[in-house]
């Protein structure tokens, strides 16, 4: 997961692990997860943690 060190990535390794666990898909692309979080951050003016929490709320409905 060295790709996470890229400046375009907002997710840490821990964030990726948490999201993969929530999606129950450990093969989901880090690029997909990163884009989902970045889109929420940009479109809804959320912090990274708030965007991740929103994804959790959607998944666990």
Foldseek 3Di string as FASTA:
>chain_A
DVCCVPPLAPDDPVLLVVVCVLVVHNPDDSVVVRVQQVCCCVPVVDDSVVSSVVVSVVSVD
